[in-house]
Structure formats: C-alpha cells, structure tokens
N, C-alpha and C. Protein backbone atom coordinates (compact mmCIF):
# COMPACT_ATOMS: atom_id res chain seq x y z
N MET A 1 59.53 -69.54 32.80
CA MET A 1 58.37 -68.71 33.09
C MET A 1 57.71 -68.32 31.77
N GLU A 2 56.43 -68.65 31.65
CA GLU A 2 55.68 -68.36 30.44
C GLU A 2 54.74 -67.19 30.66
N LEU A 3 54.62 -66.38 29.64
CA LEU A 3 53.67 -65.28 29.67
C LEU A 3 52.49 -65.64 28.80
N HIS A 4 51.31 -65.40 29.28
CA HIS A 4 50.10 -65.66 28.52
C HIS A 4 49.40 -64.33 28.26
N GLY A 5 48.85 -64.18 27.08
CA GLY A 5 48.14 -62.96 26.74
C GLY A 5 48.61 -62.44 25.40
N SER A 6 48.26 -61.24 25.14
CA SER A 6 48.55 -60.67 23.84
C SER A 6 49.40 -59.41 24.01
N LEU A 7 50.46 -59.34 23.24
CA LEU A 7 51.29 -58.15 23.26
C LEU A 7 50.59 -56.97 22.59
N ASN A 8 49.54 -57.26 21.83
CA ASN A 8 48.79 -56.18 21.20
C ASN A 8 48.17 -55.26 22.24
N MET A 9 47.73 -55.82 23.35
CA MET A 9 47.10 -55.00 24.38
C MET A 9 48.13 -54.12 25.09
N ILE A 10 49.35 -54.60 25.20
CA ILE A 10 50.41 -53.76 25.76
C ILE A 10 50.69 -52.60 24.82
N GLY A 11 50.71 -52.88 23.54
CA GLY A 11 50.90 -51.81 22.56
C GLY A 11 49.77 -50.80 22.60
N TYR A 12 48.55 -51.30 22.76
CA TYR A 12 47.42 -50.37 22.85
C TYR A 12 47.51 -49.53 24.12
N GLY A 13 47.92 -50.13 25.21
CA GLY A 13 48.07 -49.37 26.45
C GLY A 13 49.08 -48.25 26.29
N LEU A 14 50.18 -48.52 25.62
CA LEU A 14 51.17 -47.47 25.37
C LEU A 14 50.60 -46.39 24.45
N ALA A 15 49.81 -46.80 23.46
CA ALA A 15 49.19 -45.81 22.57
C ALA A 15 48.19 -44.95 23.32
N ALA A 16 47.45 -45.54 24.25
CA ALA A 16 46.47 -44.78 25.02
C ALA A 16 47.16 -43.78 25.94
N ILE A 17 48.29 -44.18 26.51
CA ILE A 17 49.04 -43.24 27.36
C ILE A 17 49.54 -42.07 26.53
N GLY A 18 50.04 -42.37 25.34
CA GLY A 18 50.52 -41.29 24.46
C GLY A 18 49.40 -40.35 24.06
N SER A 19 48.23 -40.90 23.80
CA SER A 19 47.08 -40.08 23.45
C SER A 19 46.65 -39.21 24.62
N ALA A 20 46.67 -39.75 25.82
CA ALA A 20 46.28 -38.98 27.00
C ALA A 20 47.26 -37.84 27.24
N ILE A 21 48.54 -38.10 27.06
CA ILE A 21 49.54 -37.03 27.22
C ILE A 21 49.32 -35.96 26.15
N GLY A 22 49.03 -36.38 24.92
CA GLY A 22 48.78 -35.42 23.85
C GLY A 22 47.57 -34.54 24.12
N VAL A 23 46.49 -35.13 24.62
CA VAL A 23 45.29 -34.35 24.95
C VAL A 23 45.61 -33.36 26.06
N GLY A 24 46.36 -33.80 27.05
CA GLY A 24 46.73 -32.90 28.13
C GLY A 24 47.55 -31.73 27.64
N LEU A 25 48.49 -31.98 26.75
CA LEU A 25 49.31 -30.90 26.20
C LEU A 25 48.50 -29.95 25.34
N ILE A 26 47.55 -30.49 24.59
CA ILE A 26 46.71 -29.65 23.73
C ILE A 26 45.91 -28.68 24.58
N PHE A 27 45.25 -29.19 25.62
CA PHE A 27 44.41 -28.30 26.42
C PHE A 27 45.24 -27.41 27.34
N ALA A 28 46.44 -27.83 27.72
CA ALA A 28 47.31 -26.94 28.49
C ALA A 28 47.72 -25.74 27.63
N ALA A 29 48.04 -26.00 26.37
CA ALA A 29 48.39 -24.90 25.47
C ALA A 29 47.19 -24.00 25.21
N TYR A 30 46.01 -24.60 25.10
CA TYR A 30 44.79 -23.80 24.87
C TYR A 30 44.51 -22.90 26.07
N ILE A 31 44.57 -23.45 27.26
CA ILE A 31 44.31 -22.65 28.47
C ILE A 31 45.36 -21.56 28.62
N ASN A 32 46.61 -21.89 28.34
CA ASN A 32 47.67 -20.90 28.42
C ASN A 32 47.45 -19.77 27.42
N GLY A 33 47.06 -20.11 26.20
CA GLY A 33 46.82 -19.08 25.19
C GLY A 33 45.64 -18.19 25.52
N VAL A 34 44.56 -18.77 26.04
CA VAL A 34 43.39 -17.97 26.40
C VAL A 34 43.67 -17.12 27.64
N ALA A 35 44.49 -17.64 28.54
CA ALA A 35 44.84 -16.85 29.72
C ALA A 35 45.68 -15.63 29.35
N ARG A 36 46.51 -15.78 28.33
CA ARG A 36 47.34 -14.65 27.90
C ARG A 36 46.54 -13.65 27.06
N GLN A 37 45.67 -14.15 26.20
CA GLN A 37 44.87 -13.28 25.34
C GLN A 37 43.44 -13.80 25.30
N PRO A 38 42.60 -13.34 26.21
CA PRO A 38 41.22 -13.85 26.26
C PRO A 38 40.42 -13.59 24.97
N GLU A 39 40.78 -12.55 24.25
CA GLU A 39 40.03 -12.26 23.02
C GLU A 39 40.31 -13.26 21.91
N SER A 40 41.33 -14.08 22.05
CA SER A 40 41.65 -15.07 21.02
C SER A 40 40.95 -16.41 21.27
N GLN A 41 40.05 -16.48 22.24
CA GLN A 41 39.38 -17.74 22.55
C GLN A 41 38.61 -18.28 21.35
N SER A 42 37.94 -17.40 20.62
CA SER A 42 37.13 -17.87 19.49
C SER A 42 38.00 -18.46 18.37
N GLN A 43 39.26 -18.05 18.29
CA GLN A 43 40.15 -18.62 17.28
C GLN A 43 40.85 -19.89 17.77
N LEU A 44 41.15 -19.95 19.06
CA LEU A 44 41.89 -21.09 19.59
C LEU A 44 41.01 -22.30 19.90
N GLN A 45 39.75 -22.07 20.22
CA GLN A 45 38.89 -23.18 20.63
C GLN A 45 38.68 -24.23 19.53
N PRO A 46 38.38 -23.83 18.29
CA PRO A 46 38.23 -24.87 17.25
C PRO A 46 39.52 -25.65 16.99
N ILE A 47 40.65 -24.97 17.10
CA ILE A 47 41.93 -25.66 16.89
C ILE A 47 42.17 -26.67 18.00
N ALA A 48 41.85 -26.29 19.25
CA ALA A 48 42.03 -27.21 20.37
C ALA A 48 41.10 -28.41 20.25
N LEU A 49 39.86 -28.18 19.85
CA LEU A 49 38.92 -29.29 19.71
C LEU A 49 39.32 -30.22 18.56
N LEU A 50 39.84 -29.65 17.48
CA LEU A 50 40.33 -30.48 16.37
C LEU A 50 41.52 -31.32 16.81
N GLY A 51 42.43 -30.73 17.55
CA GLY A 51 43.57 -31.49 18.07
C GLY A 51 43.13 -32.59 19.01
N PHE A 52 42.13 -32.30 19.85
CA PHE A 52 41.58 -33.32 20.75
C PHE A 52 40.97 -34.46 19.96
N ALA A 53 40.20 -34.13 18.94
CA ALA A 53 39.55 -35.17 18.13
C ALA A 53 40.58 -36.04 17.41
N LEU A 54 41.63 -35.44 16.88
CA LEU A 54 42.65 -36.22 16.19
C LEU A 54 43.42 -37.11 17.15
N ALA A 55 43.74 -36.60 18.33
CA ALA A 55 44.46 -37.42 19.32
C ALA A 55 43.61 -38.60 19.78
N GLU A 56 42.34 -38.37 20.00
CA GLU A 56 41.45 -39.46 20.42
C GLU A 56 41.21 -40.44 19.28
N ALA A 57 41.17 -39.95 18.05
CA ALA A 57 41.00 -40.85 16.90
C ALA A 57 42.17 -41.82 16.80
N LEU A 58 43.37 -41.33 17.08
CA LEU A 58 44.53 -42.22 17.04
C LEU A 58 44.43 -43.30 18.10
N ALA A 59 43.91 -42.95 19.28
CA ALA A 59 43.74 -43.96 20.33
C ALA A 59 42.68 -44.99 19.91
N ILE A 60 41.62 -44.54 19.29
CA ILE A 60 40.58 -45.47 18.84
C ILE A 60 41.10 -46.37 17.72
N PHE A 61 41.88 -45.81 16.80
CA PHE A 61 42.50 -46.63 15.76
C PHE A 61 43.42 -47.67 16.38
N GLY A 62 44.16 -47.28 17.40
CA GLY A 62 45.04 -48.23 18.08
C GLY A 62 44.26 -49.38 18.70
N LEU A 63 43.12 -49.07 19.29
CA LEU A 63 42.28 -50.11 19.88
C LEU A 63 41.75 -51.06 18.80
N VAL A 64 41.29 -50.50 17.71
CA VAL A 64 40.75 -51.32 16.62
C VAL A 64 41.84 -52.21 16.04
N PHE A 65 43.01 -51.64 15.80
CA PHE A 65 44.10 -52.43 15.23
C PHE A 65 44.59 -53.50 16.19
N ALA A 66 44.54 -53.22 17.49
CA ALA A 66 44.95 -54.23 18.46
C ALA A 66 44.03 -55.44 18.40
N PHE A 67 42.74 -55.22 18.21
CA PHE A 67 41.82 -56.35 18.12
C PHE A 67 41.88 -57.02 16.75
N VAL A 68 42.07 -56.25 15.69
CA VAL A 68 42.12 -56.84 14.36
C VAL A 68 43.38 -57.69 14.19
N ILE A 69 44.50 -57.16 14.61
CA ILE A 69 45.76 -57.89 14.46
C ILE A 69 45.82 -59.07 15.44
N GLY A 70 45.23 -58.91 16.61
CA GLY A 70 45.26 -59.97 17.60
C GLY A 70 44.34 -61.12 17.31
N ALA A 71 43.40 -60.92 16.41
CA ALA A 71 42.43 -61.99 16.13
C ALA A 71 42.97 -63.04 15.20
C-alpha cells in the first residue's frame, strides 16, 4: 500500500490544531479574568490580543514552511 502526498501538510494540520487550542485557551483565560475583575479589562485586553496574534503567527509560519520545504 502506497501513500501519495506530502507529510508537510500533515505537520501543518497538527500545527494548526495546536494554534487553535492556544487561541481558545488565551481567550478563555481572558474571559475568566474579566469575569472575575471587570475593571481589569483595559489591562487584560492588549495582552490577550498579543497572545492571539503570536499564536496565529505561528500557524502562518507553519503554513509557509510547509510549502517552502515541500517544494
């Protein structure tokens, strides 16, 4: 039995799942923190957005590397 395709895409799929879990955890912690102390929203929101941006950047890097290495 032969497999056709690229293992790079499987690696990217795993990276995307990890990124999605990370984003979910980031916003779960943000919502939990704001629910406990609503006055801290102005301090927690930039941190949550920065964490979201970094997690998504890793997923985008994974996609780029999957195509670069696979070519």
